[in-house]
C-alpha atoms as a PDB file:
ATOM      1  CA  UNK A   1       0.000   0.000   0.000  1.00  0.00           C
ATOM      2  CA  UNK A   2       2.808   2.443   0.786  1.00  0.00           C
ATOM      3  CA  UNK A   3       4.357   1.970  -2.650  1.00  0.00           C
ATOM      4  CA  UNK A   4       1.018   2.825  -4.288  1.00  0.00           C
ATOM      5  CA  UNK A   5       0.216   5.679  -1.914  1.00  0.00           C
ATOM      6  CA  UNK A   6       3.308   7.834  -2.422  1.00  0.00           C
ATOM      7  CA  UNK A   7       3.205   8.208  -6.225  1.00  0.00           C
ATOM      8  CA  UNK A   8      -0.503   8.960  -6.093  1.00  0.00           C
ATOM      9  CA  UNK A   9       0.007  11.705  -3.524  1.00  0.00           C
ATOM     10  CA  UNK A  10       2.858  13.148  -5.560  1.00  0.00           C
ATOM     11  CA  UNK A  11       0.556  13.271  -8.575  1.00  0.00           C
ATOM     12  CA  UNK A  12      -1.981  15.289  -6.557  1.00  0.00           C
ATOM     13  CA  UNK A  13       0.692  17.782  -5.546  1.00  0.00           C
ATOM     14  CA  UNK A  14       1.732  18.176  -9.189  1.00  0.00           C
ATOM     15  CA  UNK A  15      -1.890  18.705 -10.221  1.00  0.00           C
ATOM     16  CA  UNK A  16      -2.271  21.349  -7.503  1.00  0.00           C
ATOM     17  CA  UNK A  17       0.888  23.154  -8.575  1.00  0.00           C
ATOM     18  CA  UNK A  18       0.250  23.045 -12.336  1.00  0.00           C
ATOM     19  CA  UNK A  19      -2.405  25.820 -12.447  1.00  0.00           C
ATOM     20  CA  UNK A  20      -0.045  28.169 -10.612  1.00  0.00           C
ATOM     21  CA  UNK A  21       2.543  27.791 -13.342  1.00  0.00           C
ATOM     22  CA  UNK A  22      -0.044  28.940 -15.893  1.00  0.00           C
ATOM     23  CA  UNK A  23      -1.140  32.098 -14.060  1.00  0.00           C
ATOM     24  CA  UNK A  24       0.420  35.412 -13.112  1.00  0.00           C
ATOM     25  CA  UNK A  25      -0.003  34.749  -9.380  1.00  0.00           C
ATOM     26  CA  UNK A  26       2.980  35.289  -7.144  1.00  0.00           C
ATOM     27  CA  UNK A  27       4.578  32.212  -5.626  1.00  0.00           C
ATOM     28  CA  UNK A  28       3.517  32.996  -2.055  1.00  0.00           C
ATOM     29  CA  UNK A  29      -0.156  32.551  -3.016  1.00  0.00           C
ATOM     30  CA  UNK A  30       0.338  28.784  -3.359  1.00  0.00           C
ATOM     31  CA  UNK A  31       1.040  28.042   0.330  1.00  0.00           C
ATOM     32  CA  UNK A  32      -1.467  30.686   1.453  1.00  0.00           C
ATOM     33  CA  UNK A  33      -4.279  29.061  -0.512  1.00  0.00           C
ATOM     34  CA  UNK A  34      -3.255  25.540   0.520  1.00  0.00           C
ATOM     35  CA  UNK A  35      -3.166  26.364   4.236  1.00  0.00           C
ATOM     36  CA  UNK A  36      -6.157  28.694   4.526  1.00  0.00           C
ATOM     37  CA  UNK A  37      -9.023  27.455   6.654  1.00  0.00           C
ATOM     38  CA  UNK A  38     -11.410  25.260   4.780  1.00  0.00           C
ATOM     39  CA  UNK A  39     -14.676  27.048   4.020  1.00  0.00           C
ATOM     40  CA  UNK A  40     -16.582  23.840   3.395  1.00  0.00           C
ATOM     41  CA  UNK A  41     -16.732  23.223   7.146  1.00  0.00           C
ATOM     42  CA  UNK A  42     -19.144  26.145   7.556  1.00  0.00           C
ATOM     43  CA  UNK A  43     -21.984  23.685   6.927  1.00  0.00           C
ATOM     44  CA  UNK A  44     -21.417  22.436  10.472  1.00  0.00           C
ATOM     45  CA  UNK A  45     -22.938  25.694  11.693  1.00  0.00           C
ATOM     46  CA  UNK A  46     -26.322  24.434  10.486  1.00  0.00           C
ATOM     47  CA  UNK A  47     -26.031  20.884  11.840  1.00  0.00           C
ATOM     48  CA  UNK A  48     -23.638  17.913  11.696  1.00  0.00           C
ATOM     49  CA  UNK A  49     -25.437  16.192   8.809  1.00  0.00           C
ATOM     50  CA  UNK A  50     -25.321  19.260   6.555  1.00  0.00           C
ATOM     51  CA  UNK A  51     -21.716  19.911   7.557  1.00  0.00           C
ATOM     52  CA  UNK A  52     -20.649  16.360   6.742  1.00  0.00           C
ATOM     53  CA  UNK A  53     -22.479  16.441   3.402  1.00  0.00           C
ATOM     54  CA  UNK A  54     -20.936  19.746   2.271  1.00  0.00           C
ATOM     55  CA  UNK A  55     -17.470  18.785   3.484  1.00  0.00           C
ATOM     56  CA  UNK A  56     -17.570  15.395   1.732  1.00  0.00           C
ATOM     57  CA  UNK A  57     -18.945  16.872  -1.495  1.00  0.00           C
ATOM     58  CA  UNK A  58     -16.323  19.619  -1.695  1.00  0.00           C
ATOM     59  CA  UNK A  59     -13.484  17.229  -0.871  1.00  0.00           C
ATOM     60  CA  UNK A  60     -14.480  14.539  -3.341  1.00  0.00           C
ATOM     61  CA  UNK A  61     -11.597  14.240  -5.782  1.00  0.00           C
ATOM     62  CA  UNK A  62     -13.890  13.911  -8.793  1.00  0.00           C
ATOM     63  CA  UNK A  63     -15.365  17.353  -8.052  1.00  0.00           C
ATOM     64  CA  UNK A  64     -11.925  18.960  -7.911  1.00  0.00           C
ATOM     65  CA  UNK A  65     -10.696  17.221 -11.034  1.00  0.00           C
ATOM     66  CA  UNK A  66     -13.911  18.153 -12.883  1.00  0.00           C
ATOM     67  CA  UNK A  67     -13.523  21.817 -11.947  1.00  0.00           C
ATOM     68  CA  UNK A  68      -9.878  21.715 -13.058  1.00  0.00           C
ATOM     69  CA  UNK A  69     -10.716  20.130 -16.434  1.00  0.00           C
ATOM     70  CA  UNK A  70     -13.628  22.524 -17.011  1.00  0.00           C
ATOM     71  CA  UNK A  71     -11.396  25.496 -16.236  1.00  0.00           C
ATOM     72  CA  UNK A  72      -8.709  24.281 -18.611  1.00  0.00           C
ATOM     73  CA  UNK A  73     -11.275  23.716 -21.376  1.00  0.00           C
ATOM     74  CA  UNK A  74     -12.863  27.129 -20.873  1.00  0.00           C
ATOM     75  CA  UNK A  75      -9.484  28.854 -20.813  1.00  0.00           C
ATOM     76  CA  UNK A  76      -8.511  27.118 -24.039  1.00  0.00           C
ATOM     77  CA  UNK A  77     -11.794  27.924 -25.769  1.00  0.00           C
ATOM     78  CA  UNK A  78     -11.663  31.565 -24.623  1.00  0.00           C
ATOM     79  CA  UNK A  79      -8.105  31.918 -25.920  1.00  0.00           C
ATOM     80  CA  UNK A  80      -9.117  30.435 -29.271  1.00  0.00           C
ATOM     81  CA  UNK A  81     -12.203  32.652 -29.411  1.00  0.00           C
ATOM     82  CA  UNK A  82     -10.209  35.855 -28.871  1.00  0.00           C
ATOM     83  CA  UNK A  83      -7.561  35.012 -31.454  1.00  0.00           C
END
């Protein structure tokens, strides 16, 4: 399990870092955004069931990957549209 776990985690870190190489953001934004408090836990203010549902939905890897792919597709189509 450890052999499988480490490369997968390294892939996630690369996927997190990749968008920052394509933007004009300064380098210090990367650790700030990684370590900021998680806003998806605000659902716990309502009740534990809502909090757990929002937290699990936001942290599902498919949601993050889908948002990443959609953003890359939109950025590509917008660049092609303006040219």
